[in-house]
Each structure stands twice: as structure tokens, then as C-alpha cells.
Amino acid sequence: MDKSDENLRVIAVIPAYNEESTIEKVVGEVKASVSGIDVVVVDDGSSDDTYHCALKSGAKVVRHPFNMGIGATVQTGFKFAAKRNYDVAIQVDGDGQHNPSYIPEMLKILKNSDADVVGGSRFLEKKGFQSSLLRRMGIKFFELIFKILVGIDVTDCTSGFRAFGKDALYFVAKNYPEDYPEPEAVILLKKAGFKFVEIPVVMRERQGGSTSIKGFKPFHYMVKVTLALLMNIIRKVER
């Protein structure tokens, strides 16, 4: 990304699955955060009216014919952005958990530093919604894993609130992981030589939909993500 360019083309990528109750508000908040920002909603085969609600919001909408999962959905948005030559892509969840008012700060860091990716972390200042105890324990465990495996401090590796500069955008458009995309992407970006930084954000409880990690599933999730991270350590990555 050309750091001197003051007219960056910015797009928000919003993955959505059965988010009819929140998607219009999320798109509206994103559009209000930065003048001229574009928005693409990727509807992952929703069974509700997410698609038409997203169209009504004025966003560009891409629709999967069936549910493909979060990794494939986010990558569809990144491919959309890269193909249209955007300079920055902001990943924002469609459930209302992320506050788009932090987008200007993310853009400022991308433009004025050597950062390639800026992630929003709810744990740097520990304000707002902090998730369940089990999930916090899991994220803390992954923080230790990242420090051991790749020598970086990432306090909120499962955060889906991230800003990608142009080079990083083109990389994830080609290489975004499918199974556990947020934590795996950090490893791949690091291996490819991109600089990942975090800023403190205040997140909200999800405004609609439901999480798939319930009951004893967080433990299963931790084991599978750890194995996926180890596999990515030995995976050959080309920038």
C-alpha cells in the first residue's frame, strides 16, 4: 500500500449468516464511520432474509448458493475487494459485535506506520463485552501458543475485526484459511513477512444470531485450532 496516498479506496467486508436482524444497522454504522467507504456483504447461504436486508442497506452483496463456513465467506469478500483493486479491506462481523467507530484509527495506523494488518483486541484494555470465561481461557492459551510458535504477542487472535493493507489483502484473498480462519491467518501473515499490530477496542455482545462454540465445544475447538496452528507452522507460504 502506498502510505502517501490520501485517497485510499476502502471497502468493508462483512460476512453474514442469518443476520437479518442486524445487517442493516451494521452496514449503516460502517458507512457512517468513514466518508466514501464501500461495503460488501457476503451472505453465506442464509435461510432467513439476510440477502434482501443487505441489499436494502445499500451494500454490495455477494451470495453463496449454500452455507460454506466463515473462512470461505470472508475469503469471498477479500477476493471481491482484490479483484476491484481496493487499497484497504476492513473485516467486520455481521452480528453487531464490532464497533465501526474504530475504523478511522485502523486506517490511520495503516497509513502512518509500517503495519500491514491492524486487529481490534477487546483484551488490551479489558473494557466492554469480554466473552465467556471458557472462551477467554482459550484465547489466553492461544496467546501463549503464538508467543512460543512465532514470537509475537497477539491478545485477541479470534477477533474478526481487522484492517488489511493492500499487500496483505491480496495475500489473504489467495491464502485465507477455511477451518479456524482468524487465528490461522495470524500465523500465515507472520510467516509471509507481514506486520500485525493490535489496537484496543470495546466490543459489544452479539446483537443477533448465535455462536457455534457452546458447552464443551470450546475444549474441542482449542485442540483442533492448536493442531491447525502447528500444521500452518510447517506449511510453505509464499507472499
C-alpha atoms as a PDB file:
ATOM      1  CA  MET A   1       0.000   0.000   0.000  1.00  0.00           C
ATOM      2  CA  ASP A   2       1.226   3.488  -0.865  1.00  0.00           C
ATOM      3  CA  LYS A   3       1.397   5.141   2.526  1.00  0.00           C
ATOM      4  CA  SER A   4       1.478   8.616   0.953  1.00  0.00           C
ATOM      5  CA  ASP A   5      -1.832   8.173  -0.827  1.00  0.00           C
ATOM      6  CA  GLU A   6      -4.528  10.192   0.943  1.00  0.00           C
ATOM      7  CA  ASN A   7      -7.281   8.847  -1.324  1.00  0.00           C
ATOM      8  CA  LEU A   8      -7.226   5.196  -0.444  1.00  0.00           C
ATOM      9  CA  ARG A   9     -10.053   3.057  -1.756  1.00  0.00           C
ATOM     10  CA  VAL A  10     -11.503   1.335   1.295  1.00  0.00           C
ATOM     11  CA  ILE A  11     -14.074  -1.435   1.477  1.00  0.00           C
ATOM     12  CA  ALA A  12     -15.628  -3.203   4.450  1.00  0.00           C
ATOM     13  CA  VAL A  13     -16.073  -6.963   4.100  1.00  0.00           C
ATOM     14  CA  ILE A  14     -18.994  -8.215   6.180  1.00  0.00           C
ATOM     15  CA  PRO A  15     -19.593 -11.989   6.382  1.00  0.00           C
ATOM     16  CA  ALA A  16     -23.187 -12.756   7.284  1.00  0.00           C
ATOM     17  CA  TYR A  17     -25.157 -15.899   8.019  1.00  0.00           C
ATOM     18  CA  ASN A  18     -28.767 -15.472   9.168  1.00  0.00           C
ATOM     19  CA  GLU A  19     -28.169 -11.881  10.265  1.00  0.00           C
ATOM     20  CA  GLU A  20     -31.402 -10.302   9.022  1.00  0.00           C
ATOM     21  CA  SER A  21     -31.965  -8.630  12.400  1.00  0.00           C
ATOM     22  CA  THR A  22     -28.599  -6.818  12.424  1.00  0.00           C
ATOM     23  CA  ILE A  23     -27.159  -6.447   8.951  1.00  0.00           C
ATOM     24  CA  GLU A  24     -28.836  -3.153   8.002  1.00  0.00           C
ATOM     25  CA  LYS A  25     -27.672  -1.495  11.217  1.00  0.00           C
ATOM     26  CA  VAL A  26     -24.126  -2.839  10.814  1.00  0.00           C
ATOM     27  CA  VAL A  27     -23.876  -1.569   7.238  1.00  0.00           C
ATOM     28  CA  GLY A  28     -25.233   1.811   8.321  1.00  0.00           C
ATOM     29  CA  GLU A  29     -22.681   2.121  11.124  1.00  0.00           C
ATOM     30  CA  VAL A  30     -19.832   1.177   8.790  1.00  0.00           C
ATOM     31  CA  LYS A  31     -20.894   3.736   6.185  1.00  0.00           C
ATOM     32  CA  ALA A  32     -21.127   6.407   8.873  1.00  0.00           C
ATOM     33  CA  SER A  33     -17.615   5.661  10.154  1.00  0.00           C
ATOM     34  CA  VAL A  34     -15.616   6.780   7.092  1.00  0.00           C
ATOM     35  CA  SER A  35     -16.628   9.030   4.218  1.00  0.00           C
ATOM     36  CA  GLY A  36     -16.700   7.175   0.916  1.00  0.00           C
ATOM     37  CA  ILE A  37     -16.217   3.676   2.323  1.00  0.00           C
ATOM     38  CA  ASP A  38     -17.750   0.870   0.268  1.00  0.00           C
ATOM     39  CA  VAL A  39     -19.352  -2.189   1.815  1.00  0.00           C
ATOM     40  CA  VAL A  40     -19.717  -5.739   0.538  1.00  0.00           C
ATOM     41  CA  VAL A  41     -21.875  -8.199   2.459  1.00  0.00           C
ATOM     42  CA  VAL A  42     -21.166 -11.856   1.757  1.00  0.00           C
ATOM     43  CA  ASP A  43     -24.321 -13.826   2.522  1.00  0.00           C
ATOM     44  CA  ASP A  44     -23.217 -17.379   3.323  1.00  0.00           C
ATOM     45  CA  GLY A  45     -26.342 -19.171   2.132  1.00  0.00           C
ATOM     46  CA  SER A  46     -28.617 -17.725   4.820  1.00  0.00           C
ATOM     47  CA  SER A  47     -32.035 -19.294   5.319  1.00  0.00           C
ATOM     48  CA  ASP A  48     -33.551 -16.009   6.511  1.00  0.00           C
ATOM     49  CA  ASP A  49     -33.850 -12.646   4.716  1.00  0.00           C
ATOM     50  CA  THR A  50     -30.235 -11.539   5.184  1.00  0.00           C
ATOM     51  CA  TYR A  51     -29.714 -11.160   1.432  1.00  0.00           C
ATOM     52  CA  HIS A  52     -32.597  -8.741   0.860  1.00  0.00           C
ATOM     53  CA  CYS A  53     -31.883  -6.807   4.064  1.00  0.00           C
ATOM     54  CA  ALA A  54     -28.279  -6.343   2.904  1.00  0.00           C
ATOM     55  CA  LEU A  55     -29.468  -5.123  -0.499  1.00  0.00           C
ATOM     56  CA  LYS A  56     -31.860  -2.729   1.219  1.00  0.00           C
ATOM     57  CA  SER A  57     -28.963  -1.288   3.257  1.00  0.00           C
ATOM     58  CA  GLY A  58     -27.243  -0.158   0.053  1.00  0.00           C
ATOM     59  CA  ALA A  59     -24.309  -2.557   0.347  1.00  0.00           C
ATOM     60  CA  LYS A  60     -22.888  -4.571  -2.493  1.00  0.00           C
ATOM     61  CA  VAL A  61     -23.981  -8.166  -1.892  1.00  0.00           C
ATOM     62  CA  VAL A  62     -22.418 -11.482  -2.874  1.00  0.00           C
ATOM     63  CA  ARG A  63     -24.457 -14.589  -2.129  1.00  0.00           C
ATOM     64  CA  HIS A  64     -23.186 -18.127  -1.646  1.00  0.00           C
ATOM     65  CA  PRO A  65     -25.675 -20.706  -3.006  1.00  0.00           C
ATOM     66  CA  PHE A  66     -25.226 -22.750   0.185  1.00  0.00           C
ATOM     67  CA  ASN A  67     -23.500 -22.410   3.545  1.00  0.00           C
ATOM     68  CA  MET A  68     -19.711 -22.647   3.095  1.00  0.00           C
ATOM     69  CA  GLY A  69     -18.425 -21.533   6.511  1.00  0.00           C
ATOM     70  CA  ILE A  70     -16.787 -18.391   7.855  1.00  0.00           C
ATOM     71  CA  GLY A  71     -13.370 -18.869   6.245  1.00  0.00           C
ATOM     72  CA  ALA A  72     -14.703 -19.258   2.723  1.00  0.00           C
ATOM     73  CA  THR A  73     -17.154 -16.420   3.286  1.00  0.00           C
ATOM     74  CA  VAL A  74     -14.513 -13.915   4.393  1.00  0.00           C
ATOM     75  CA  GLN A  75     -12.222 -15.013   1.567  1.00  0.00           C
ATOM     76  CA  THR A  76     -15.009 -14.375  -0.940  1.00  0.00           C
ATOM     77  CA  GLY A  77     -15.144 -10.802   0.359  1.00  0.00           C
ATOM     78  CA  PHE A  78     -11.370 -10.411   0.123  1.00  0.00           C
ATOM     79  CA  LYS A  79     -11.377 -11.762  -3.437  1.00  0.00           C
ATOM     80  CA  PHE A  80     -14.126  -9.292  -4.302  1.00  0.00           C
ATOM     81  CA  ALA A  81     -12.014  -6.448  -2.894  1.00  0.00           C
ATOM     82  CA  ALA A  82      -8.737  -7.535  -4.512  1.00  0.00           C
ATOM     83  CA  LYS A  83     -10.327  -8.042  -7.920  1.00  0.00           C
ATOM     84  CA  ARG A  84     -11.631  -4.468  -7.787  1.00  0.00           C
ATOM     85  CA  ASN A  85      -8.266  -3.063  -6.725  1.00  0.00           C
ATOM     86  CA  TYR A  86      -9.171  -1.730  -3.277  1.00  0.00           C
ATOM     87  CA  ASP A  87      -6.312  -0.436  -1.134  1.00  0.00           C
ATOM     88  CA  VAL A  88      -7.722  -1.487   2.240  1.00  0.00           C
ATOM     89  CA  ALA A  89     -10.266  -4.072   3.357  1.00  0.00           C
ATOM     90  CA  ILE A  90     -11.873  -3.889   6.793  1.00  0.00           C
ATOM     91  CA  GLN A  91     -13.248  -7.170   8.116  1.00  0.00           C
ATOM     92  CA  VAL A  92     -16.360  -6.580  10.261  1.00  0.00           C
ATOM     93  CA  ASP A  93     -18.757  -9.179  11.683  1.00  0.00           C
ATOM     94  CA  GLY A  94     -22.388  -9.010  10.639  1.00  0.00           C
ATOM     95  CA  ASP A  95     -23.787  -9.659  14.135  1.00  0.00           C
ATOM     96  CA  GLY A  96     -23.223  -6.149  15.518  1.00  0.00           C
ATOM     97  CA  GLN A  97     -20.434  -7.140  17.908  1.00  0.00           C
ATOM     98  CA  HIS A  98     -17.853  -4.823  16.339  1.00  0.00           C
ATOM     99  CA  ASN A  99     -17.990  -1.050  16.676  1.00  0.00           C
ATOM    100  CA  PRO A 100     -17.098   0.563  13.309  1.00  0.00           C
ATOM    101  CA  SER A 101     -16.147   3.826  15.035  1.00  0.00           C
ATOM    102  CA  TYR A 102     -12.633   2.324  15.379  1.00  0.00           C
ATOM    103  CA  ILE A 103     -12.190   2.058  11.604  1.00  0.00           C
ATOM    104  CA  PRO A 104     -10.682   5.577  11.218  1.00  0.00           C
ATOM    105  CA  GLU A 105      -7.991   4.704  13.780  1.00  0.00           C
ATOM    106  CA  MET A 106      -7.217   1.456  11.945  1.00  0.00           C
ATOM    107  CA  LEU A 107      -6.840   3.356   8.678  1.00  0.00           C
ATOM    108  CA  LYS A 108      -4.624   5.949  10.326  1.00  0.00           C
ATOM    109  CA  ILE A 109      -2.257   3.251  11.597  1.00  0.00           C
ATOM    110  CA  LEU A 110      -2.089   1.563   8.199  1.00  0.00           C
ATOM    111  CA  LYS A 111      -1.269   4.867   6.502  1.00  0.00           C
ATOM    112  CA  ASN A 112       1.217   6.214   9.038  1.00  0.00           C
ATOM    113  CA  SER A 113       3.160   3.150  10.153  1.00  0.00           C
ATOM    114  CA  ASP A 114       4.747   0.006   8.775  1.00  0.00           C
ATOM    115  CA  ALA A 115       1.795  -2.130   9.889  1.00  0.00           C
ATOM    116  CA  ASP A 116       0.195  -4.338   7.248  1.00  0.00           C
ATOM    117  CA  VAL A 117      -2.720  -5.591   9.347  1.00  0.00           C
ATOM    118  CA  VAL A 118      -4.445  -3.928  12.300  1.00  0.00           C
ATOM    119  CA  GLY A 119      -6.559  -6.082  14.596  1.00  0.00           C
ATOM    120  CA  GLY A 120      -9.054  -4.937  17.186  1.00  0.00           C
ATOM    121  CA  SER A 121      -8.486  -6.519  20.614  1.00  0.00           C
ATOM    122  CA  ARG A 122     -11.044  -6.482  23.421  1.00  0.00           C
ATOM    123  CA  PHE A 123      -8.366  -7.607  25.883  1.00  0.00           C
ATOM    124  CA  LEU A 124      -5.786  -4.804  25.693  1.00  0.00           C
ATOM    125  CA  GLU A 125      -7.847  -2.525  27.931  1.00  0.00           C
ATOM    126  CA  LYS A 126     -10.396  -5.149  29.025  1.00  0.00           C
ATOM    127  CA  LYS A 127     -13.429  -2.950  28.533  1.00  0.00           C
ATOM    128  CA  GLY A 128     -16.841  -3.864  27.174  1.00  0.00           C
ATOM    129  CA  PHE A 129     -18.011  -7.399  26.416  1.00  0.00           C
ATOM    130  CA  GLN A 130     -15.226  -9.874  27.280  1.00  0.00           C
ATOM    131  CA  SER A 131     -16.843 -13.140  26.117  1.00  0.00           C
ATOM    132  CA  SER A 132     -17.383 -16.205  28.325  1.00  0.00           C
ATOM    133  CA  LEU A 133     -14.834 -17.486  30.836  1.00  0.00           C
ATOM    134  CA  LEU A 134     -14.159 -20.616  28.779  1.00  0.00           C
ATOM    135  CA  ARG A 135     -13.518 -18.638  25.623  1.00  0.00           C
ATOM    136  CA  ARG A 136     -11.266 -16.185  27.483  1.00  0.00           C
ATOM    137  CA  MET A 137      -9.254 -19.108  28.819  1.00  0.00           C
ATOM    138  CA  GLY A 138      -8.934 -20.497  25.304  1.00  0.00           C
ATOM    139  CA  ILE A 139      -7.830 -17.162  23.852  1.00  0.00           C
ATOM    140  CA  LYS A 140      -5.259 -16.762  26.641  1.00  0.00           C
ATOM    141  CA  PHE A 141      -3.926 -20.213  25.798  1.00  0.00           C
ATOM    142  CA  PHE A 142      -3.591 -19.234  22.133  1.00  0.00           C
ATOM    143  CA  GLU A 143      -1.786 -16.054  23.157  1.00  0.00           C
ATOM    144  CA  LEU A 144       0.871 -18.258  24.759  1.00  0.00           C
ATOM    145  CA  ILE A 145       0.970 -20.551  21.713  1.00  0.00           C
ATOM    146  CA  PHE A 146       1.552 -17.616  19.364  1.00  0.00           C
ATOM    147  CA  LYS A 147       4.403 -16.332  21.509  1.00  0.00           C
ATOM    148  CA  ILE A 148       6.060 -19.763  21.537  1.00  0.00           C
ATOM    149  CA  LEU A 149       5.485 -20.659  17.879  1.00  0.00           C
ATOM    150  CA  VAL A 150       6.120 -17.393  16.072  1.00  0.00           C
ATOM    151  CA  GLY A 151       7.370 -14.985  18.727  1.00  0.00           C
ATOM    152  CA  ILE A 152       4.553 -12.451  18.523  1.00  0.00           C
ATOM    153  CA  ASP A 153       2.156 -11.059  21.108  1.00  0.00           C
ATOM    154  CA  VAL A 154      -1.465 -11.393  19.961  1.00  0.00           C
ATOM    155  CA  THR A 155      -4.003 -10.860  22.721  1.00  0.00           C
ATOM    156  CA  ASP A 156      -7.182 -11.484  20.706  1.00  0.00           C
ATOM    157  CA  CYS A 157      -6.380 -13.944  17.932  1.00  0.00           C
ATOM    158  CA  THR A 158     -10.044 -14.866  17.408  1.00  0.00           C
ATOM    159  CA  SER A 159     -11.090 -11.290  16.712  1.00  0.00           C
ATOM    160  CA  GLY A 160     -12.749 -10.883  13.322  1.00  0.00           C
ATOM    161  CA  PHE A 161     -12.345  -7.098  13.401  1.00  0.00           C
ATOM    162  CA  ARG A 162      -9.278  -6.383  11.253  1.00  0.00           C
ATOM    163  CA  ALA A 163      -7.970  -3.944   8.649  1.00  0.00           C
ATOM    164  CA  PHE A 164      -5.769  -5.209   5.823  1.00  0.00           C
ATOM    165  CA  GLY A 165      -3.456  -3.037   3.741  1.00  0.00           C
ATOM    166  CA  LYS A 166      -3.227  -3.732   0.014  1.00  0.00           C
ATOM    167  CA  ASP A 167      -0.398  -6.279   0.031  1.00  0.00           C
ATOM    168  CA  ALA A 168      -1.920  -8.167   2.950  1.00  0.00           C
ATOM    169  CA  LEU A 169      -5.343  -8.002   1.273  1.00  0.00           C
ATOM    170  CA  TYR A 170      -4.025  -9.661  -1.873  1.00  0.00           C
ATOM    171  CA  PHE A 171      -2.296 -12.288   0.275  1.00  0.00           C
ATOM    172  CA  VAL A 172      -5.413 -13.279   2.235  1.00  0.00           C
ATOM    173  CA  ALA A 173      -7.522 -13.196  -0.931  1.00  0.00           C
ATOM    174  CA  LYS A 174      -5.360 -16.118  -2.096  1.00  0.00           C
ATOM    175  CA  ASN A 175      -4.469 -17.781   1.209  1.00  0.00           C
ATOM    176  CA  TYR A 176      -7.238 -17.194   3.751  1.00  0.00           C
ATOM    177  CA  PRO A 177      -7.735 -20.351   5.862  1.00  0.00           C
ATOM    178  CA  GLU A 178     -11.087 -22.137   5.985  1.00  0.00           C
ATOM    179  CA  ASP A 179     -11.366 -24.015   9.276  1.00  0.00           C
ATOM    180  CA  TYR A 180     -10.229 -21.582  12.005  1.00  0.00           C
ATOM    181  CA  PRO A 181      -9.525 -18.502   9.931  1.00  0.00           C
ATOM    182  CA  GLU A 182      -8.817 -15.767  12.472  1.00  0.00           C
ATOM    183  CA  PRO A 183      -6.068 -17.497  14.493  1.00  0.00           C
ATOM    184  CA  GLU A 184      -4.652 -19.380  11.494  1.00  0.00           C
ATOM    185  CA  ALA A 185      -4.457 -16.179   9.443  1.00  0.00           C
ATOM    186  CA  VAL A 186      -2.166 -14.590  12.038  1.00  0.00           C
ATOM    187  CA  ILE A 187       0.350 -17.422  11.597  1.00  0.00           C
ATOM    188  CA  LEU A 188       0.219 -17.255   7.795  1.00  0.00           C
ATOM    189  CA  LEU A 189       0.583 -13.471   7.744  1.00  0.00           C
ATOM    190  CA  LYS A 190       3.558 -13.655  10.089  1.00  0.00           C
ATOM    191  CA  LYS A 191       5.230 -16.387   8.005  1.00  0.00           C
ATOM    192  CA  ALA A 192       4.728 -14.286   4.868  1.00  0.00           C
ATOM    193  CA  GLY A 193       6.501 -11.333   6.490  1.00  0.00           C
ATOM    194  CA  PHE A 194       3.531  -9.072   7.217  1.00  0.00           C
ATOM    195  CA  LYS A 195       3.423  -6.940  10.364  1.00  0.00           C
ATOM    196  CA  PHE A 196       0.350  -7.498  12.529  1.00  0.00           C
ATOM    197  CA  VAL A 197      -0.499  -4.978  15.261  1.00  0.00           C
ATOM    198  CA  GLU A 198      -3.422  -4.649  17.650  1.00  0.00           C
ATOM    199  CA  ILE A 199      -5.381  -1.704  18.987  1.00  0.00           C
ATOM    200  CA  PRO A 200      -7.718  -1.719  21.979  1.00  0.00           C
ATOM    201  CA  VAL A 201     -11.416  -1.811  21.098  1.00  0.00           C
ATOM    202  CA  VAL A 202     -14.625  -2.136  23.038  1.00  0.00           C
ATOM    203  CA  MET A 203     -16.798  -4.900  21.668  1.00  0.00           C
ATOM    204  CA  ARG A 204     -20.489  -5.466  22.204  1.00  0.00           C
ATOM    205  CA  GLU A 205     -22.414  -8.664  22.793  1.00  0.00           C
ATOM    206  CA  ARG A 206     -23.659 -10.077  19.533  1.00  0.00           C
ATOM    207  CA  GLN A 207     -26.876  -8.344  18.532  1.00  0.00           C
ATOM    208  CA  GLY A 208     -28.284 -11.342  16.667  1.00  0.00           C
ATOM    209  CA  GLY A 209     -27.584 -14.928  15.642  1.00  0.00           C
ATOM    210  CA  SER A 210     -25.776 -17.399  17.906  1.00  0.00           C
ATOM    211  CA  THR A 211     -22.298 -18.796  18.399  1.00  0.00           C
ATOM    212  CA  SER A 212     -21.428 -22.346  17.368  1.00  0.00           C
ATOM    213  CA  ILE A 213     -18.992 -22.793  20.283  1.00  0.00           C
ATOM    214  CA  LYS A 214     -21.127 -23.914  23.233  1.00  0.00           C
ATOM    215  CA  GLY A 215     -20.989 -26.362  26.120  1.00  0.00           C
ATOM    216  CA  PHE A 216     -17.851 -28.498  25.891  1.00  0.00           C
ATOM    217  CA  LYS A 217     -17.118 -27.404  22.330  1.00  0.00           C
ATOM    218  CA  PRO A 218     -14.535 -24.784  23.409  1.00  0.00           C
ATOM    219  CA  PHE A 219     -12.213 -27.603  24.549  1.00  0.00           C
ATOM    220  CA  HIS A 220     -12.652 -29.408  21.244  1.00  0.00           C
ATOM    221  CA  TYR A 221     -12.071 -26.090  19.491  1.00  0.00           C
ATOM    222  CA  MET A 222      -8.829 -25.465  21.411  1.00  0.00           C
ATOM    223  CA  VAL A 223      -7.396 -28.855  20.489  1.00  0.00           C
ATOM    224  CA  LYS A 224      -8.302 -28.559  16.807  1.00  0.00           C
ATOM    225  CA  VAL A 225      -7.068 -24.982  16.499  1.00  0.00           C
ATOM    226  CA  THR A 226      -3.773 -25.887  18.158  1.00  0.00           C
ATOM    227  CA  LEU A 227      -3.273 -28.707  15.652  1.00  0.00           C
ATOM    228  CA  ALA A 228      -4.205 -26.364  12.789  1.00  0.00           C
ATOM    229  CA  LEU A 229      -1.686 -23.772  14.003  1.00  0.00           C
ATOM    230  CA  LEU A 230       1.054 -26.392  14.204  1.00  0.00           C
ATOM    231  CA  MET A 231       0.265 -27.505  10.643  1.00  0.00           C
ATOM    232  CA  ASN A 232       0.495 -23.902   9.448  1.00  0.00           C
ATOM    233  CA  ILE A 233       3.909 -23.548  11.068  1.00  0.00           C
ATOM    234  CA  ILE A 234       5.307 -26.230   8.733  1.00  0.00           C
ATOM    235  CA  ARG A 235       3.240 -25.126   5.738  1.00  0.00           C
ATOM    236  CA  LYS A 236       5.158 -23.422   2.940  1.00  0.00           C
ATOM    237  CA  VAL A 237       3.863 -19.883   2.451  1.00  0.00           C
ATOM    238  CA  GLU A 238       4.692 -17.592  -0.449  1.00  0.00           C
ATOM    239  CA  ARG A 239       3.927 -13.902  -0.348  1.00  0.00           C
END
